[in-house]
Protein backbone atom coordinates (compact mmCIF):
# COMPACT_ATOMS: atom_id res chain seq x y z
CA MET A 1 124.26 168.91 45.79
CA ALA A 2 126.54 171.92 45.35
CA PRO A 3 125.90 174.92 47.64
CA ARG A 4 124.45 178.03 45.98
CA VAL A 5 125.50 181.63 46.56
CA LEU A 6 123.77 184.85 45.50
CA ILE A 7 125.82 188.00 44.89
CA SER A 8 123.34 190.86 45.25
CA ASP A 9 125.72 193.84 45.13
CA LYS A 10 128.31 195.11 42.69
CA ILE A 11 131.59 193.43 43.58
CA SER A 12 134.51 192.37 41.42
CA THR A 13 133.39 189.63 39.04
CA ALA A 14 136.63 187.83 39.90
CA ALA A 15 134.69 186.58 42.92
CA VAL A 16 132.35 184.67 40.64
CA GLN A 17 135.22 182.58 39.30
CA ILE A 18 136.50 181.91 42.82
CA PHE A 19 133.13 180.44 43.79
CA LYS A 20 132.99 178.31 40.66
CA ASP A 21 136.54 177.05 41.11
CA ARG A 22 135.64 175.96 44.66
CA GLY A 23 132.59 173.99 43.53
CA VAL A 24 129.97 176.56 44.54
CA GLU A 25 127.13 177.55 42.22
CA VAL A 26 126.79 181.33 42.00
CA ASP A 27 124.29 183.84 40.63
CA TYR A 28 125.63 187.35 40.04
CA LEU A 29 122.68 189.77 40.29
CA PRO A 30 124.33 193.05 41.37
CA ASP A 31 121.17 195.16 41.25
CA LEU A 32 118.97 192.81 43.25
CA GLY A 33 120.12 194.18 46.60
CA LYS A 34 118.36 197.49 45.90
CA ASP A 35 114.96 195.75 45.99
CA ARG A 36 114.28 194.08 49.37
CA ASP A 37 111.06 192.48 48.21
CA ALA A 38 112.71 190.93 45.17
CA LEU A 39 115.62 189.73 47.31
CA ALA A 40 113.26 188.20 49.88
CA ALA A 41 111.40 186.40 47.09
CA VAL A 42 114.48 184.46 45.94
CA ILE A 43 116.73 184.21 49.01
CA GLY A 44 115.18 180.91 50.11
CA GLY A 45 116.99 179.09 47.32
CA TYR A 46 120.49 180.06 48.45
CA ASP A 47 123.00 178.81 51.04
CA GLY A 48 125.07 181.99 50.95
CA LEU A 49 124.59 185.71 50.30
CA ALA A 50 127.52 187.93 49.27
CA ILE A 51 126.94 191.67 49.71
CA ARG A 52 128.52 195.07 50.02
CA SER A 53 126.75 198.10 51.47
CA THR A 54 123.72 198.43 49.19
CA THR A 55 121.95 195.21 50.20
CA LYS A 56 120.06 195.51 53.49
CA VAL A 57 119.66 192.11 55.15
CA THR A 58 116.57 192.90 57.17
CA SER A 59 114.16 190.75 59.16
CA LYS A 60 112.00 190.43 56.04
CA VAL A 61 114.89 188.99 54.04
CA LEU A 62 115.99 186.66 56.83
CA ALA A 63 112.44 185.44 57.43
CA ASP A 64 112.44 183.90 53.95
CA ALA A 65 116.03 182.65 54.09
CA GLY A 66 115.27 179.09 55.13
CA ASN A 67 118.45 177.60 53.65
CA LEU A 68 120.81 180.48 54.33
CA LYS A 69 123.98 179.47 56.16
CA VAL A 70 126.35 182.38 55.63
CA ILE A 71 126.30 186.08 54.77
CA GLY A 72 129.56 187.51 53.45
CA ARG A 73 130.17 191.26 53.58
CA ALA A 74 132.90 192.35 51.15
CA GLY A 75 134.21 195.06 53.45
CA ILE A 76 134.32 195.79 57.16
CA GLY A 77 131.01 197.23 58.34
CA VAL A 78 128.04 194.93 58.85
CA ASP A 79 125.62 197.73 59.82
CA ASN A 80 123.38 196.68 56.93
CA VAL A 81 122.84 193.21 58.39
CA ASP A 82 120.37 192.43 61.19
CA LEU A 83 123.13 190.70 63.13
CA SER A 84 121.00 189.69 66.12
CA LEU A 85 118.40 187.97 63.97
CA ALA A 86 121.02 186.35 61.73
CA THR A 87 122.72 184.98 64.84
CA ALA A 88 119.43 183.70 66.24
CA LYS A 89 118.80 181.87 62.97
CA GLY A 90 122.27 180.31 63.03
CA VAL A 91 123.56 182.25 60.03
CA ILE A 92 127.29 182.94 60.08
CA VAL A 93 128.06 186.58 59.23
CA MET A 94 131.54 187.18 57.81
CA ASN A 95 133.38 190.31 56.78
CA THR A 96 136.81 191.14 55.35
CA PRO A 97 138.44 193.34 58.00
CA TYR A 98 141.87 193.36 56.37
CA GLY A 99 141.00 193.65 52.67
CA ASN A 100 140.72 197.43 52.62
CA SER A 101 142.70 198.40 55.72
CA ILE A 102 145.57 199.95 53.77
CA THR A 103 143.23 201.81 51.41
CA ALA A 104 141.15 203.26 54.25
CA ALA A 105 144.25 204.21 56.22
CA GLU A 106 145.79 205.93 53.20
CA HIS A 107 142.59 207.92 52.70
CA ALA A 108 142.74 209.12 56.30
CA ILE A 109 146.34 210.23 55.83
CA ALA A 110 145.40 211.95 52.55
CA LEU A 111 142.58 213.85 54.25
CA MET A 112 144.92 214.83 57.08
CA PHE A 113 147.31 216.36 54.53
CA SER A 114 144.42 218.05 52.74
CA ILE A 115 143.31 219.98 55.83
CA ALA A 116 146.86 220.65 57.00
CA ARG A 117 147.68 222.42 53.72
CA GLU A 118 144.14 223.40 52.62
CA ILE A 119 144.72 221.62 49.32
CA PRO A 120 141.10 221.39 48.02
CA ALA A 121 140.41 225.10 48.59
CA ALA A 122 143.79 226.08 47.15
CA ASP A 123 143.15 223.95 44.08
CA HIS A 124 139.76 225.54 43.50
CA SER A 125 141.16 229.05 43.97
CA THR A 126 144.08 228.46 41.63
CA GLN A 127 141.93 226.99 38.88
CA GLU A 128 139.70 230.05 39.17
CA GLY A 129 142.78 232.12 38.29
CA LEU A 130 142.97 233.91 41.65
CA TRP A 131 146.54 232.93 42.68
CA GLU A 132 145.88 233.56 46.41
CA LYS A 133 149.30 232.47 47.61
CA ASN A 134 149.11 234.39 50.89
CA ARG A 135 145.64 233.10 51.73
CA PHE A 136 146.57 229.45 52.24
CA LEU A 137 148.96 229.29 55.18
CA GLY A 138 149.07 225.66 56.23
CA VAL A 139 150.79 223.74 59.02
CA GLU A 140 153.42 221.04 59.00
CA ILE A 141 152.54 217.62 60.33
CA THR A 142 156.14 216.75 61.28
CA GLY A 143 156.48 216.75 65.04
CA LYS A 144 152.74 217.11 65.59
CA THR A 145 150.73 214.77 67.82
CA LEU A 146 148.17 212.53 66.15
CA GLY A 147 145.44 211.16 68.40
CA ILE A 148 143.96 207.92 67.09
CA ILE A 149 140.62 206.83 68.53
CA GLY A 150 140.41 203.10 67.83
CA CYS A 151 143.73 201.40 67.12
CA GLY A 152 142.57 198.22 65.41
CA ASN A 153 143.18 197.02 61.85
CA ILE A 154 142.95 200.42 60.18
CA GLY A 155 143.99 202.60 63.10
CA SER A 156 147.23 200.65 63.50
CA VAL A 157 148.08 201.21 59.81
CA VAL A 158 147.40 204.94 60.22
CA ALA A 159 149.68 204.94 63.26
CA ASP A 160 152.45 203.24 61.29
CA ARG A 161 152.19 205.75 58.44
CA ALA A 162 152.05 208.70 60.83
CA ILE A 163 155.14 207.53 62.71
CA GLY A 164 156.90 207.29 59.35
CA LEU A 165 155.95 210.95 58.81
CA LYS A 166 157.69 211.82 62.10
CA MET A 167 154.51 212.40 64.05
CA LYS A 168 154.00 211.43 67.68
CA VAL A 169 151.03 209.07 68.00
CA VAL A 170 148.80 208.67 71.04
CA ALA A 171 145.95 206.17 70.96
CA PHE A 172 142.75 205.62 72.89
CA ASP A 173 141.44 202.07 72.59
CA PRO A 174 140.21 200.04 75.59
CA PHE A 175 141.12 196.82 73.76
CA LEU A 176 144.69 197.86 72.94
CA SER A 177 147.09 195.95 75.19
CA PRO A 178 150.19 197.70 76.55
CA GLU A 179 152.34 195.16 74.69
CA ARG A 180 150.61 195.87 71.38
CA ALA A 181 150.95 199.62 71.94
CA VAL A 182 154.70 199.23 72.43
CA ALA A 183 154.95 197.07 69.31
CA LEU A 184 153.11 199.73 67.27
CA GLY A 185 155.22 202.54 68.70
CA VAL A 186 152.20 204.43 70.07
CA GLU A 187 151.43 205.76 73.53
CA LYS A 188 148.24 204.32 74.99
CA VAL A 189 146.24 207.04 76.75
CA GLU A 190 142.78 207.73 78.08
CA LEU A 191 140.35 209.70 75.93
CA GLU A 192 140.54 212.85 78.04
CA ASP A 193 144.35 212.92 77.70
CA LEU A 194 144.14 212.38 73.93
CA LEU A 195 141.67 215.25 73.51
CA ALA A 196 143.91 217.63 75.42
CA ARG A 197 147.13 216.71 73.59
CA ALA A 198 146.30 215.91 69.97
CA ASP A 199 146.99 218.38 67.14
CA PHE A 200 145.16 216.01 64.77
CA ILE A 201 142.49 213.46 65.71
CA SER A 202 141.61 210.53 63.45
CA LEU A 203 138.64 208.26 64.18
CA HIS A 204 138.96 204.51 63.50
CA THR A 205 136.41 202.79 65.69
CA PRO A 206 133.18 200.95 64.83
CA LEU A 207 129.88 202.62 65.63
CA THR A 208 128.46 201.13 68.83
CA ASP A 209 126.43 202.42 71.75
CA ARG A 210 129.72 203.24 73.49
CA THR A 211 131.34 205.05 70.57
CA ARG A 212 128.31 206.92 69.25
CA ASN A 213 129.12 210.65 69.46
CA ILE A 214 132.46 209.90 71.05
CA LEU A 215 133.35 213.38 69.79
CA SER A 216 130.32 215.00 71.39
CA ALA A 217 129.93 218.73 71.93
CA GLU A 218 131.48 218.29 75.37
CA ASN A 219 134.44 216.29 74.10
CA ILE A 220 135.05 218.62 71.16
CA ALA A 221 135.21 221.46 73.71
CA ARG A 222 137.91 219.50 75.56
CA THR A 223 140.14 219.29 72.49
CA LYS A 224 143.27 221.36 72.02
CA PRO A 225 142.55 224.74 70.38
CA GLY A 226 143.41 224.56 66.69
CA VAL A 227 142.87 220.81 66.47
CA ARG A 228 142.11 219.22 63.10
CA ILE A 229 139.71 216.25 62.94
CA VAL A 230 139.49 213.41 60.41
CA ASN A 231 136.69 210.82 60.25
CA CYS A 232 137.03 207.97 57.75
CA ALA A 233 135.34 205.41 60.01
CA ARG A 234 131.61 205.74 60.59
CA GLY A 235 129.08 208.55 60.54
CA GLY A 236 127.68 209.10 64.02
CA LEU A 237 131.03 209.02 65.79
CA LEU A 238 130.98 212.80 66.06
CA ASP A 239 128.32 215.43 66.62
CA GLU A 240 128.18 217.19 63.24
CA ALA A 241 126.32 220.25 64.52
CA ALA A 242 128.76 220.67 67.41
CA LEU A 243 131.69 220.31 65.02
CA ARG A 244 130.22 223.07 62.83
CA GLU A 245 129.99 225.40 65.83
CA ALA A 246 133.57 224.61 66.83
CA LEU A 247 134.74 225.33 63.28
CA ASP A 248 132.81 228.63 63.21
CA SER A 249 134.36 229.70 66.52
CA GLY A 250 137.86 228.75 65.35
CA HIS A 251 138.39 226.22 68.13
CA VAL A 252 138.66 223.50 65.47
CA ALA A 253 141.00 224.60 62.67
CA GLY A 254 139.82 222.09 60.10
CA ALA A 255 137.88 218.89 59.55
CA ALA A 256 137.83 216.21 56.87
CA LEU A 257 135.01 213.70 56.64
CA ASP A 258 134.51 210.68 54.42
CA VAL A 259 131.45 209.43 56.33
CA PHE A 260 128.29 211.09 57.57
CA LEU A 261 125.41 210.46 59.94
CA VAL A 262 123.00 210.23 56.99
CA GLU A 263 124.22 208.71 53.73
CA PRO A 264 124.04 209.37 50.86
CA ALA A 265 124.79 212.85 52.18
CA THR A 266 123.14 215.21 49.73
CA GLU A 267 123.05 217.94 52.36
CA ASN A 268 124.81 218.36 55.67
CA VAL A 269 125.42 221.06 58.26
CA LEU A 270 129.15 220.91 57.48
CA PHE A 271 128.82 221.41 53.74
CA GLY A 272 130.09 224.73 52.44
CA HIS A 273 132.35 225.51 55.38
CA PRO A 274 135.69 226.87 54.11
CA ARG A 275 137.75 224.69 56.44
CA VAL A 276 135.91 221.41 55.77
CA VAL A 277 136.92 218.76 53.23
CA CYS A 278 134.35 216.10 52.32
CA THR A 279 134.51 212.93 50.24
CA PRO A 280 131.64 210.50 49.47
CA HIS A 281 132.63 207.47 51.57
CA LEU A 282 135.74 206.69 49.51
CA GLY A 283 137.69 204.98 52.29
CA ALA A 284 137.67 201.61 50.52
CA ALA A 285 137.38 202.96 46.99
CA THR A 286 140.55 201.83 45.24
CA THR A 287 140.91 199.23 42.54
CA GLU A 288 143.12 197.12 44.79
CA ALA A 289 140.74 197.22 47.76
CA GLN A 290 137.67 196.34 45.72
CA GLU A 291 139.47 193.39 44.19
CA ASN A 292 140.87 192.26 47.53
CA VAL A 293 137.60 192.24 49.48
CA ALA A 294 135.74 190.50 46.65
CA LEU A 295 138.31 187.73 46.38
CA GLN A 296 138.59 187.35 50.15
CA ILE A 297 134.85 187.06 50.79
CA ALA A 298 134.47 184.53 47.98
CA GLU A 299 137.28 182.43 49.43
CA GLN A 300 135.91 182.66 52.98
CA MET A 301 132.35 181.76 52.01
CA SER A 302 133.49 178.89 49.78
CA ASP A 303 135.68 177.47 52.53
CA TYR A 304 132.76 177.51 54.94
CA LEU A 305 130.20 176.03 52.56
CA THR A 306 132.50 173.27 51.29
CA ARG A 307 134.84 172.55 54.20
CA GLY A 308 133.32 174.03 57.33
CA ALA A 309 136.11 176.57 57.82
CA ILE A 310 135.05 179.84 59.45
CA THR A 311 137.17 182.97 58.91
CA ASN A 312 136.49 186.53 60.05
CA ALA A 313 133.02 185.73 61.37
CA VAL A 314 131.59 188.50 63.52
CA ASN A 315 129.24 186.16 65.39
CA PHE A 316 131.21 182.89 65.78
CA PRO A 317 134.79 181.77 66.54
CA SER A 318 137.06 181.21 63.57
CA ILE A 319 137.80 177.63 62.51
CA SER A 320 140.61 177.05 60.02
CA ALA A 321 140.24 174.74 57.04
CA GLU A 322 142.97 172.53 58.52
CA GLU A 323 141.34 172.10 61.92
CA ALA A 324 137.72 171.80 60.69
CA PRO A 325 137.80 168.04 59.87
CA LYS A 326 139.52 167.21 63.17
CA LEU A 327 137.25 169.52 65.16
CA ARG A 328 133.97 168.31 63.67
CA PRO A 329 133.59 165.08 65.74
CA PHE A 330 134.47 166.96 68.91
CA ILE A 331 131.84 169.62 68.15
CA THR A 332 129.38 166.73 67.86
CA LEU A 333 130.63 165.36 71.19
CA ALA A 334 130.33 168.74 72.93
CA GLU A 335 126.83 169.32 71.60
CA ARG A 336 125.66 165.87 72.70
CA LEU A 337 127.21 166.22 76.14
CA GLY A 338 125.28 169.48 76.47
CA SER A 339 122.09 167.83 75.23
CA PHE A 340 122.56 164.97 77.69
CA ALA A 341 122.86 167.37 80.62
CA GLY A 342 120.04 169.57 79.34
CA GLN A 343 117.60 166.69 79.06
CA LEU A 344 118.36 165.59 82.62
CA THR A 345 118.10 169.06 84.18
CA ASP A 346 114.62 170.10 85.29
CA SER A 347 115.51 173.31 87.13
CA ASN A 348 116.95 176.65 86.04
CA ILE A 349 120.59 176.47 85.01
CA SER A 350 122.84 179.11 86.58
CA ARG A 351 126.36 178.01 85.62
CA VAL A 352 128.08 175.87 83.00
CA ARG A 353 131.73 174.86 83.11
CA LEU A 354 133.54 173.13 80.26
CA THR A 355 136.87 171.48 81.08
CA TYR A 356 139.11 170.34 78.24
CA GLN A 357 141.90 167.81 78.75
CA GLY A 358 144.56 166.32 76.53
CA GLU A 359 144.12 166.89 72.82
CA ALA A 360 140.79 168.67 73.40
CA ALA A 361 142.63 171.41 75.32
CA ARG A 362 144.60 172.23 72.18
CA MET A 363 141.49 172.61 70.01
CA ASN A 364 139.26 175.61 69.36
CA MET A 365 137.64 175.69 72.78
CA ARG A 366 135.31 178.60 72.01
CA ALA A 367 133.71 176.67 69.16
CA LEU A 368 133.38 173.57 71.34
CA THR A 369 131.86 175.58 74.18
CA SER A 370 129.32 177.18 71.82
CA ALA A 371 128.29 173.71 70.65
CA ALA A 372 127.96 172.42 74.22
CA VAL A 373 125.83 175.38 75.32
CA ALA A 374 123.61 174.96 72.25
CA GLY A 375 123.01 171.32 73.12
CA LEU A 376 122.33 172.24 76.74
CA LEU A 377 119.70 174.89 75.95
CA ARG A 378 117.97 173.17 73.04
CA PRO A 379 115.77 170.84 75.16
CA VAL A 380 114.00 173.87 76.63
CA LEU A 381 114.54 176.55 73.98
CA ALA A 382 113.58 175.57 70.45
CA GLY A 383 115.69 177.07 67.71
CA VAL A 384 118.91 177.49 69.69
CA ASN A 385 121.99 176.85 67.55
CA VAL A 386 125.76 176.91 67.94
CA VAL A 387 125.87 180.49 66.66
CA SER A 388 123.18 181.96 68.91
CA ALA A 389 123.79 179.86 72.04
CA PRO A 390 126.42 182.05 73.80
CA THR A 391 124.27 185.16 73.36
CA ILE A 392 121.12 183.42 74.58
CA ALA A 393 122.95 182.01 77.62
CA LYS A 394 124.21 185.48 78.51
CA GLU A 395 120.73 186.97 78.13
CA ARG A 396 119.38 184.36 80.53
CA GLY A 397 122.07 185.06 83.12
CA ILE A 398 123.86 181.73 82.68
CA VAL A 399 127.56 181.97 83.51
CA VAL A 400 129.63 179.99 81.01
CA GLU A 401 133.20 179.09 81.93
CA GLU A 402 135.84 177.12 80.05
CA THR A 403 139.14 175.78 81.35
CA SER A 404 141.90 173.52 80.13
CA SER A 405 143.57 170.98 82.36
CA ASP A 406 146.92 169.21 82.29
CA ALA A 407 145.65 166.49 84.62
CA GLU A 408 146.33 162.97 83.40
CA SER A 409 143.41 161.10 81.88
CA ASP A 410 142.69 157.63 80.55
CA TYR A 411 141.84 159.25 77.22
CA ASP A 412 143.80 161.19 74.61
CA ALA A 413 141.09 163.85 74.64
CA LEU A 414 138.40 164.43 77.25
CA ILE A 415 135.62 167.01 77.54
CA THR A 416 133.79 167.40 80.85
CA LEU A 417 130.63 169.47 81.16
CA MET A 418 129.44 170.55 84.60
CA VAL A 419 126.00 172.10 85.03
CA GLU A 420 124.90 173.92 88.17
CA ALA A 421 121.16 174.32 88.75
CA ASP A 422 119.45 175.31 91.99
CA GLY A 423 122.58 174.63 93.99
CA THR A 424 123.14 171.10 92.65
CA GLN A 425 125.80 170.06 90.18
CA ARG A 426 125.75 167.42 87.47
CA SER A 427 128.72 166.46 85.33
CA VAL A 428 129.20 164.31 82.26
CA SER A 429 132.40 163.52 80.36
CA GLY A 430 133.00 162.22 76.89
CA THR A 431 135.63 161.51 74.30
CA VAL A 432 135.99 160.63 70.63
CA PHE A 433 137.46 157.22 69.82
CA ALA A 434 139.64 156.42 66.82
CA ASP A 435 136.53 155.50 64.82
CA GLY A 436 135.36 159.13 65.11
CA LYS A 437 132.35 158.25 67.27
CA ALA A 438 131.47 160.30 70.36
CA ARG A 439 131.09 158.34 73.60
CA ILE A 440 130.05 159.04 77.18
CA VAL A 441 132.71 157.83 79.58
CA ASP A 442 131.71 159.34 82.92
CA ILE A 443 128.45 160.50 84.52
CA LYS A 444 128.61 162.20 87.91
CA GLY A 445 131.92 160.46 88.65
CA ILE A 446 130.63 157.03 87.65
CA LYS A 447 132.53 155.43 84.78
CA VAL A 448 130.46 154.17 81.87
CA ASP A 449 131.12 153.45 78.22
CA ALA A 450 128.29 154.22 75.84
CA GLU A 451 127.84 155.63 72.37
CA PHE A 452 125.25 158.31 71.82
CA ALA A 453 122.22 156.91 70.01
CA PRO A 454 119.02 158.43 68.60
CA SER A 455 116.88 156.96 71.38
CA MET A 456 118.13 156.08 74.88
CA ILE A 457 116.91 155.65 78.44
CA TYR A 458 118.91 156.97 81.37
CA VAL A 459 118.38 155.45 84.82
CA ALA A 460 120.02 156.41 88.11
CA ASN A 461 119.49 153.71 90.70
CA GLU A 462 120.82 151.91 93.76
CA ASP A 463 123.17 149.03 92.98
CA ARG A 464 120.93 146.16 94.09
CA PRO A 465 120.60 142.59 92.79
CA GLY A 466 117.69 142.09 90.45
CA PHE A 467 117.52 145.62 89.04
CA VAL A 468 118.88 144.76 85.62
CA GLY A 469 116.50 141.81 85.28
CA HIS A 470 113.46 143.81 86.33
CA PHE A 471 114.37 146.71 84.05
CA ALA A 472 115.10 144.57 80.99
CA SER A 473 111.95 142.48 81.51
CA MET A 474 109.85 145.63 81.79
CA LEU A 475 111.15 146.87 78.43
CA GLY A 476 110.72 143.44 76.86
CA ASP A 477 107.12 143.16 78.09
CA ALA A 478 106.44 146.54 76.42
CA GLY A 479 107.86 145.29 73.14
CA ILE A 480 110.92 147.56 73.34
CA ASN A 481 114.10 146.07 71.90
CA ILE A 482 117.39 146.81 73.68
CA ALA A 483 120.27 147.59 71.30
CA THR A 484 123.03 148.23 73.88
CA PHE A 485 123.12 148.23 77.68
CA ALA A 486 125.85 150.21 79.52
CA LEU A 487 126.20 149.98 83.29
CA GLY A 488 128.33 151.78 85.85
CA ARG A 489 128.49 152.13 89.59
CA ALA A 490 130.36 154.15 92.18
CA THR A 491 130.72 151.36 94.77
CA GLN A 492 129.15 147.99 95.40
CA GLY A 493 125.66 148.65 96.68
CA GLY A 494 126.01 152.40 96.08
CA ASP A 495 124.95 154.73 93.28
CA ALA A 496 124.65 153.13 89.87
CA ILE A 497 123.74 154.21 86.34
CA ALA A 498 122.20 152.42 83.39
CA LEU A 499 122.33 153.91 79.90
CA VAL A 500 120.33 151.90 77.41
CA GLN A 501 120.01 152.30 73.65
CA ILE A 502 116.63 151.17 72.38
CA ASP A 503 114.94 150.74 69.02
CA GLY A 504 112.13 153.25 68.62
CA THR A 505 110.99 155.35 71.57
CA ALA A 506 109.76 154.38 75.02
CA PRO A 507 106.12 155.36 75.78
CA ASP A 508 105.59 157.62 78.80
CA GLU A 509 103.78 154.85 80.68
CA VAL A 510 106.83 152.59 80.40
CA ILE A 511 109.12 155.31 81.78
CA GLU A 512 106.67 155.82 84.65
CA ARG A 513 106.78 152.09 85.47
CA VAL A 514 110.58 152.19 85.49
CA ARG A 515 110.49 155.15 87.86
CA ALA A 516 108.22 153.17 90.14
CA LEU A 517 110.84 150.47 90.71
CA PRO A 518 111.96 150.73 94.36
CA MET A 519 115.68 151.05 93.59
CA VAL A 520 115.25 153.75 90.88
CA ARG A 521 116.00 157.38 91.70
CA GLN A 522 115.63 158.89 88.24
CA ALA A 523 114.57 157.66 84.82
CA LYS A 524 114.53 159.77 81.69
CA PRO A 525 114.12 159.12 77.96
CA LEU A 526 116.85 160.75 75.87
CA ALA A 527 116.94 161.66 72.20
CA PHE A 528 120.01 162.66 70.19
């Protein structure tokens, strides 16, 4: 059955054809996103939801989205999506961070010119027939210092354009590496230094708890007298009332805003100020950008729904279309290794370590780790999925580590999961054979060879004569058929393991009788 996608906002209709060409059924209802109740009433019939900024994906919408697998935002910001709840429900949330980068950057540069030369006010004055040539004394931008707060996709384009205009660029961005700063031709500085040095400041950071009011009253006071400020990123990054006061006092020479704390902005404390230029959130409003983001989100969502590829997800590692088929059996392996360890662990887990060897070390380890953690937590936390697992583990204080190893192995690819709980450690290793089936090959250092099966029994015991006979007879007497029987031991007479695939499930009383055998240390039913 073909996946179905709903487009609930106005995006380029070229996206509709992309979905159809990729084998995805699509309904284009661009006004539906304005009505949350109407959207909630139909969302249950769709695998994907393509949106822009009008649709609000709230808890009400997600509660009824039983089949939803992916939300695609044609644009950058996902503020209109309840990301935490979507993640908890295992819904991939994608955006298009590059589709409108050039357009948004160009708008920031345009606004910088507009306040440098007072173009909007001069235009209005001239068209009124006033010819106030001496009134509009602007400033050059050549040789001036531009301070960029947030040097990511858009900020880096602004930096490139500004350098081309012979400006000096300083950037504050905790995630900007020194090497990347050199490559961009910008000087990486701390925020306090940027505020003191910049003639122009341009904001290009997402709105988070750390960046909210990053240009607060205190930080605006720290800026260079005569500074000009541009915000084409997100409303809430600056204190609008404090900016108004700084404009009134003359400390700030001009400001240009494309975004506001409350939108649509029908009134604002900055409106009407002679040295303020405002536009109605036009950062991505060009024909090229609208087309680009629509086509990109349609391609990304189609690739995920038809091939399992994940691109530009904000809540899961990316998986290319080329690696998805090869990665899929190893994701299954990682999840089942986690489930195996989770079902055998009765105490609180404090640490998880994933070690990847051989071919597995060259795969998408973040995706594999997410799958393993999901499998580990699922036995005790219903509803955990590969998308939500890392967040849930962090919330519960579980340290998750992943390493790759060049150590030689008997297998082309090997994944080892180690779980630490109450000071004890348990490890299990697995691989994928040429037939694509996941297998357990090592448990706590004891070599075994067993496929995962829907119903299994795990037994840790002492290697003593008669155990296998007693165990098999006990299952036979209970009418339980043995499908496969894998054995392993550390040394003769030492620790041993039995991993048995059975038809159906073993009743609790049978497991209790197995545990009662004198040579048995642990017996657990397993389900995969």
